[in-house]
């Protein structure tokens, strides 16, 4: 499973999220339809931990990240 922040951004954008702002090393994405917010931690080339990655997807309401 790819756990890079860039892959997480692609998943969010495919599911209707758009970039709103940056706060430090975290990028904030919003979905205008569902009114949900997802925060993507971008710390250089470091991968996101698996639990954090899945928690962000759950918070965003994305059930099937493969599709």
PDB file of N, CA and C in Angstrom:
ATOM      1  N   UNK A   1       0.848  -1.179   0.000  1.00  0.00           N
ATOM      2  CA  UNK A   1       0.000   0.000   0.000  1.00  0.00           C
ATOM      3  C   UNK A   1       0.891   1.239   0.000  1.00  0.00           C
ATOM      4  N   UNK A   2       0.614   2.151  -0.892  1.00  0.00           N
ATOM      5  CA  UNK A   2       1.362   3.401  -1.000  1.00  0.00           C
ATOM      6  C   UNK A   2       0.898   4.353   0.097  1.00  0.00           C
ATOM      7  N   UNK A   3       1.784   4.777   0.966  1.00  0.00           N
ATOM      8  CA  UNK A   3       1.434   5.636   2.095  1.00  0.00           C
ATOM      9  C   UNK A   3       2.022   7.037   1.975  1.00  0.00           C
ATOM     10  N   UNK A   4       2.337   7.456   0.755  1.00  0.00           N
ATOM     11  CA  UNK A   4       2.934   8.779   0.576  1.00  0.00           C
ATOM     12  C   UNK A   4       1.863   9.863   0.677  1.00  0.00           C
ATOM     13  N   UNK A   5       2.250  11.055   1.137  1.00  0.00           N
ATOM     14  CA  UNK A   5       1.296  12.164   1.213  1.00  0.00           C
ATOM     15  C   UNK A   5       0.731  12.542  -0.161  1.00  0.00           C
ATOM     16  N   UNK A   6       1.545  12.402  -1.213  1.00  0.00           N
ATOM     17  CA  UNK A   6       1.064  12.740  -2.553  1.00  0.00           C
ATOM     18  C   UNK A   6      -0.038  11.790  -3.007  1.00  0.00           C
ATOM     19  N   UNK A   7       0.074  10.513  -2.652  1.00  0.00           N
ATOM     20  CA  UNK A   7      -0.973   9.548  -2.988  1.00  0.00           C
ATOM     21  C   UNK A   7      -2.251   9.866  -2.218  1.00  0.00           C
ATOM     22  N   UNK A   8      -2.107  10.274  -0.977  1.00  0.00           N
ATOM     23  CA  UNK A   8      -3.271  10.667  -0.178  1.00  0.00           C
ATOM     24  C   UNK A   8      -3.960  11.873  -0.802  1.00  0.00           C
ATOM     25  N   UNK A   9      -3.182  12.823  -1.291  1.00  0.00           N
ATOM     26  CA  UNK A   9      -3.750  14.004  -1.950  1.00  0.00           C
ATOM     27  C   UNK A   9      -4.529  13.595  -3.193  1.00  0.00           C
ATOM     28  N   UNK A  10      -3.975  12.681  -3.991  1.00  0.00           N
ATOM     29  CA  UNK A  10      -4.668  12.206  -5.193  1.00  0.00           C
ATOM     30  C   UNK A  10      -5.989  11.540  -4.837  1.00  0.00           C
ATOM     31  N   UNK A  11      -5.992  10.736  -3.776  1.00  0.00           N
ATOM     32  CA  UNK A  11      -7.229  10.077  -3.345  1.00  0.00           C
ATOM     33  C   UNK A  11      -8.274  11.103  -2.911  1.00  0.00           C
ATOM     34  N   UNK A  12      -7.831  12.099  -2.174  1.00  0.00           N
ATOM     35  CA  UNK A  12      -8.758  13.132  -1.721  1.00  0.00           C
ATOM     36  C   UNK A  12      -9.341  13.895  -2.905  1.00  0.00           C
ATOM     37  N   UNK A  13      -8.498  14.280  -3.850  1.00  0.00           N
ATOM     38  CA  UNK A  13      -8.971  15.043  -5.004  1.00  0.00           C
ATOM     39  C   UNK A  13      -9.905  14.225  -5.892  1.00  0.00           C
ATOM     40  N   UNK A  14      -9.656  12.916  -6.014  1.00  0.00           N
ATOM     41  CA  UNK A  14     -10.558  12.059  -6.790  1.00  0.00           C
ATOM     42  C   UNK A  14     -11.937  11.943  -6.146  1.00  0.00           C
ATOM     43  N   UNK A  15     -12.001  12.200  -4.848  1.00  0.00           N
ATOM     44  CA  UNK A  15     -13.263  12.082  -4.122  1.00  0.00           C
ATOM     45  C   UNK A  15     -13.891  13.440  -3.814  1.00  0.00           C
ATOM     46  N   UNK A  16     -13.551  14.449  -4.589  1.00  0.00           N
ATOM     47  CA  UNK A  16     -14.223  15.741  -4.504  1.00  0.00           C
ATOM     48  C   UNK A  16     -13.607  16.749  -3.555  1.00  0.00           C
ATOM     49  N   UNK A  17     -12.462  16.472  -2.982  1.00  0.00           N
ATOM     50  CA  UNK A  17     -11.820  17.423  -2.084  1.00  0.00           C
ATOM     51  C   UNK A  17     -10.964  18.386  -2.892  1.00  0.00           C
ATOM     52  N   UNK A  18     -10.851  19.595  -2.395  1.00  0.00           N
ATOM     53  CA  UNK A  18     -10.016  20.593  -3.047  1.00  0.00           C
ATOM     54  C   UNK A  18      -9.089  21.226  -2.007  1.00  0.00           C
ATOM     55  N   UNK A  19      -7.944  21.692  -2.470  1.00  0.00           N
ATOM     56  CA  UNK A  19      -6.964  22.323  -1.592  1.00  0.00           C
ATOM     57  C   UNK A  19      -7.505  23.650  -1.098  1.00  0.00           C
ATOM     58  N   UNK A  20      -7.447  23.859   0.220  1.00  0.00           N
ATOM     59  CA  UNK A  20      -7.936  25.110   0.785  1.00  0.00           C
ATOM     60  C   UNK A  20      -6.794  25.994   1.283  1.00  0.00           C
ATOM     61  N   UNK A  21      -5.904  25.408   2.117  1.00  0.00           N
ATOM     62  CA  UNK A  21      -4.818  26.221   2.671  1.00  0.00           C
ATOM     63  C   UNK A  21      -3.744  25.313   3.247  1.00  0.00           C
ATOM     64  N   UNK A  22      -2.645  25.923   3.643  1.00  0.00           N
ATOM     65  CA  UNK A  22      -1.560  25.219   4.318  1.00  0.00           C
ATOM     66  C   UNK A  22      -1.377  25.822   5.693  1.00  0.00           C
ATOM     67  N   UNK A  23      -1.177  24.959   6.672  1.00  0.00           N
ATOM     68  CA  UNK A  23      -0.893  25.407   8.027  1.00  0.00           C
ATOM     69  C   UNK A  23       0.368  24.678   8.487  1.00  0.00           C
ATOM     70  N   UNK A  24       1.494  25.333   8.393  1.00  0.00           N
ATOM     71  CA  UNK A  24       2.768  24.691   8.717  1.00  0.00           C
ATOM     72  C   UNK A  24       3.095  23.630   7.686  1.00  0.00           C
ATOM     73  N   UNK A  25       3.250  22.385   8.138  1.00  0.00           N
ATOM     74  CA  UNK A  25       3.552  21.294   7.210  1.00  0.00           C
ATOM     75  C   UNK A  25       2.321  20.433   6.944  1.00  0.00           C
ATOM     76  N   UNK A  26       1.135  20.988   7.178  1.00  0.00           N
ATOM     77  CA  UNK A  26      -0.106  20.260   6.945  1.00  0.00           C
ATOM     78  C   UNK A  26      -0.940  21.000   5.905  1.00  0.00           C
ATOM     79  N   UNK A  27      -1.458  20.250   4.954  1.00  0.00           N
ATOM     80  CA  UNK A  27      -2.316  20.825   3.923  1.00  0.00           C
ATOM     81  C   UNK A  27      -3.766  20.487   4.239  1.00  0.00           C
ATOM     82  N   UNK A  28      -4.628  21.473   4.152  1.00  0.00           N
ATOM     83  CA  UNK A  28      -6.036  21.299   4.493  1.00  0.00           C
ATOM     84  C   UNK A  28      -6.830  21.183   3.202  1.00  0.00           C
ATOM     85  N   UNK A  29      -7.630  20.118   3.105  1.00  0.00           N
ATOM     86  CA  UNK A  29      -8.490  19.866   1.950  1.00  0.00           C
ATOM     87  C   UNK A  29      -9.934  19.846   2.413  1.00  0.00           C
ATOM     88  N   UNK A  30     -10.824  20.416   1.601  1.00  0.00           N
ATOM     89  CA  UNK A  30     -12.237  20.496   1.935  1.00  0.00           C
ATOM     90  C   UNK A  30     -13.074  19.893   0.825  1.00  0.00           C
ATOM     91  N   UNK A  31     -14.259  19.429   1.190  1.00  0.00           N
ATOM     92  CA  UNK A  31     -15.231  18.918   0.228  1.00  0.00           C
ATOM     93  C   UNK A  31     -16.487  19.762   0.393  1.00  0.00           C
ATOM     94  N   UNK A  32     -16.865  20.502  -0.641  1.00  0.00           N
ATOM     95  CA  UNK A  32     -18.001  21.414  -0.543  1.00  0.00           C
ATOM     96  C   UNK A  32     -19.337  20.682  -0.515  1.00  0.00           C
ATOM     97  N   UNK A  33     -19.401  19.449  -0.994  1.00  0.00           N
ATOM     98  CA  UNK A  33     -20.655  18.686  -1.003  1.00  0.00           C
ATOM     99  C   UNK A  33     -20.934  18.094   0.376  1.00  0.00           C
ATOM    100  N   UNK A  34     -19.945  17.414   0.940  1.00  0.00           N
ATOM    101  CA  UNK A  34     -20.141  16.734   2.222  1.00  0.00           C
ATOM    102  C   UNK A  34     -19.759  17.603   3.417  1.00  0.00           C
ATOM    103  N   UNK A  35     -19.154  18.759   3.180  1.00  0.00           N
ATOM    104  CA  UNK A  35     -18.710  19.674   4.221  1.00  0.00           C
ATOM    105  C   UNK A  35     -17.688  19.030   5.156  1.00  0.00           C
ATOM    106  N   UNK A  36     -16.885  18.106   4.638  1.00  0.00           N
ATOM    107  CA  UNK A  36     -15.862  17.449   5.442  1.00  0.00           C
ATOM    108  C   UNK A  36     -14.504  18.076   5.163  1.00  0.00           C
ATOM    109  N   UNK A  37     -13.635  17.982   6.158  1.00  0.00           N
ATOM    110  CA  UNK A  37     -12.282  18.521   6.058  1.00  0.00           C
ATOM    111  C   UNK A  37     -11.293  17.388   6.302  1.00  0.00           C
ATOM    112  N   UNK A  38     -10.235  17.344   5.511  1.00  0.00           N
ATOM    113  CA  UNK A  38      -9.172  16.359   5.691  1.00  0.00           C
ATOM    114  C   UNK A  38      -7.843  17.101   5.740  1.00  0.00           C
ATOM    115  N   UNK A  39      -7.002  16.727   6.679  1.00  0.00           N
ATOM    116  CA  UNK A  39      -5.704  17.362   6.838  1.00  0.00           C
ATOM    117  C   UNK A  39      -4.625  16.365   6.469  1.00  0.00           C
ATOM    118  N   UNK A  40      -3.787  16.746   5.521  1.00  0.00           N
ATOM    119  CA  UNK A  40      -2.734  15.874   5.018  1.00  0.00           C
ATOM    120  C   UNK A  40      -1.384  16.340   5.562  1.00  0.00           C
ATOM    121  N   UNK A  41      -0.716  15.509   6.372  1.00  0.00           N
ATOM    122  CA  UNK A  41       0.599  15.893   6.879  1.00  0.00           C
ATOM    123  C   UNK A  41       1.676  15.658   5.819  1.00  0.00           C
ATOM    124  N   UNK A  42       2.307  16.723   5.383  1.00  0.00           N
ATOM    125  CA  UNK A  42       3.359  16.618   4.373  1.00  0.00           C
ATOM    126  C   UNK A  42       4.670  16.996   5.040  1.00  0.00           C
ATOM    127  N   UNK A  43       5.468  15.981   5.382  1.00  0.00           N
ATOM    128  CA  UNK A  43       6.745  16.197   6.054  1.00  0.00           C
ATOM    129  C   UNK A  43       7.869  15.707   5.156  1.00  0.00           C
ATOM    130  N   UNK A  44       8.141  16.447   4.112  1.00  0.00           N
ATOM    131  CA  UNK A  44       9.213  16.089   3.188  1.00  0.00           C
ATOM    132  C   UNK A  44       8.885  14.805   2.441  1.00  0.00           C
ATOM    133  N   UNK A  45       9.824  13.867   2.417  1.00  0.00           N
ATOM    134  CA  UNK A  45       9.631  12.603   1.718  1.00  0.00           C
ATOM    135  C   UNK A  45       9.157  11.493   2.633  1.00  0.00           C
ATOM    136  N   UNK A  46       8.823  11.802   3.872  1.00  0.00           N
ATOM    137  CA  UNK A  46       8.386  10.773   4.818  1.00  0.00           C
ATOM    138  C   UNK A  46       6.983  10.281   4.469  1.00  0.00           C
ATOM    139  N   UNK A  47       6.800   8.978   4.588  1.00  0.00           N
ATOM    140  CA  UNK A  47       5.481   8.401   4.400  1.00  0.00           C
ATOM    141  C   UNK A  47       4.629   8.660   5.635  1.00  0.00           C
ATOM    142  N   UNK A  48       3.321   8.659   5.419  1.00  0.00           N
ATOM    143  CA  UNK A  48       2.370   8.785   6.512  1.00  0.00           C
ATOM    144  C   UNK A  48       2.249   7.397   7.147  1.00  0.00           C
ATOM    145  N   UNK A  49       2.147   7.329   8.455  1.00  0.00           N
ATOM    146  CA  UNK A  49       1.967   6.034   9.104  1.00  0.00           C
ATOM    147  C   UNK A  49       0.631   5.438   8.682  1.00  0.00           C
ATOM    148  N   UNK A  50       0.580   4.104   8.645  1.00  0.00           N
ATOM    149  CA  UNK A  50      -0.591   3.406   8.130  1.00  0.00           C
ATOM    150  C   UNK A  50      -1.858   3.775   8.905  1.00  0.00           C
ATOM    151  N   UNK A  51      -1.788   3.802  10.219  1.00  0.00           N
ATOM    152  CA  UNK A  51      -2.951   4.142  11.028  1.00  0.00           C
ATOM    153  C   UNK A  51      -3.436   5.557  10.778  1.00  0.00           C
ATOM    154  N   UNK A  52      -2.496   6.478  10.631  1.00  0.00           N
ATOM    155  CA  UNK A  52      -2.837   7.875  10.347  1.00  0.00           C
ATOM    156  C   UNK A  52      -3.464   7.996   8.961  1.00  0.00           C
ATOM    157  N   UNK A  53      -2.884   7.290   8.001  1.00  0.00           N
ATOM    158  CA  UNK A  53      -3.384   7.302   6.622  1.00  0.00           C
ATOM    159  C   UNK A  53      -4.838   6.826   6.588  1.00  0.00           C
ATOM    160  N   UNK A  54      -5.108   5.705   7.250  1.00  0.00           N
ATOM    161  CA  UNK A  54      -6.461   5.150   7.261  1.00  0.00           C
ATOM    162  C   UNK A  54      -7.424   6.024   8.058  1.00  0.00           C
ATOM    163  N   UNK A  55      -6.931   6.664   9.111  1.00  0.00           N
ATOM    164  CA  UNK A  55      -7.782   7.556   9.901  1.00  0.00           C
ATOM    165  C   UNK A  55      -8.188   8.793   9.097  1.00  0.00           C
ATOM    166  N   UNK A  56      -7.270   9.318   8.296  1.00  0.00           N
ATOM    167  CA  UNK A  56      -7.594  10.473   7.448  1.00  0.00           C
ATOM    168  C   UNK A  56      -8.650  10.086   6.422  1.00  0.00           C
ATOM    169  N   UNK A  57      -8.506   8.901   5.815  1.00  0.00           N
ATOM    170  CA  UNK A  57      -9.497   8.437   4.849  1.00  0.00           C
ATOM    171  C   UNK A  57     -10.856   8.236   5.513  1.00  0.00           C
ATOM    172  N   UNK A  58     -10.865   7.685   6.709  1.00  0.00           N
ATOM    173  CA  UNK A  58     -12.119   7.463   7.427  1.00  0.00           C
ATOM    174  C   UNK A  58     -12.784   8.788   7.765  1.00  0.00           C
ATOM    175  N   UNK A  59     -11.995   9.746   8.220  1.00  0.00           N
ATOM    176  CA  UNK A  59     -12.501  11.064   8.564  1.00  0.00           C
ATOM    177  C   UNK A  59     -13.073  11.766   7.325  1.00  0.00           C
ATOM    178  N   UNK A  60     -12.464  11.509   6.174  1.00  0.00           N
ATOM    179  CA  UNK A  60     -12.926  12.108   4.924  1.00  0.00           C
ATOM    180  C   UNK A  60     -14.134  11.381   4.351  1.00  0.00           C
ATOM    181  N   UNK A  61     -14.450  10.207   4.891  1.00  0.00           N
ATOM    182  CA  UNK A  61     -15.590   9.444   4.397  1.00  0.00           C
ATOM    183  C   UNK A  61     -15.283   8.609   3.175  1.00  0.00           C
ATOM    184  N   UNK A  62     -14.012   8.273   2.980  1.00  0.00           N
ATOM    185  CA  UNK A  62     -13.598   7.475   1.830  1.00  0.00           C
ATOM    186  C   UNK A  62     -13.465   6.020   2.292  1.00  0.00           C
ATOM    187  N   UNK A  63     -14.358   5.162   1.809  1.00  0.00           N
ATOM    188  CA  UNK A  63     -14.369   3.772   2.247  1.00  0.00           C
ATOM    189  C   UNK A  63     -13.447   2.906   1.443  1.00  0.00           C
ATOM    190  N   UNK A  64     -13.418   3.086   0.122  1.00  0.00           N
ATOM    191  CA  UNK A  64     -12.654   2.230  -0.760  1.00  0.00           C
ATOM    192  C   UNK A  64     -11.595   3.051  -1.483  1.00  0.00           C
ATOM    193  N   UNK A  65     -10.367   3.132  -0.935  1.00  0.00           N
ATOM    194  CA  UNK A  65      -9.349   3.986  -1.533  1.00  0.00           C
ATOM    195  C   UNK A  65      -8.809   3.458  -2.867  1.00  0.00           C
ATOM    196  N   UNK A  66      -9.057   2.201  -3.175  1.00  0.00           N
ATOM    197  CA  UNK A  66      -8.540   1.618  -4.415  1.00  0.00           C
ATOM    198  C   UNK A  66      -9.319   2.132  -5.624  1.00  0.00           C
ATOM    199  N   UNK A  67     -10.610   2.299  -5.472  1.00  0.00           N
ATOM    200  CA  UNK A  67     -11.483   2.669  -6.607  1.00  0.00           C
ATOM    201  C   UNK A  67     -11.258   4.080  -7.065  1.00  0.00           C
TER     202      UNK A  67
END
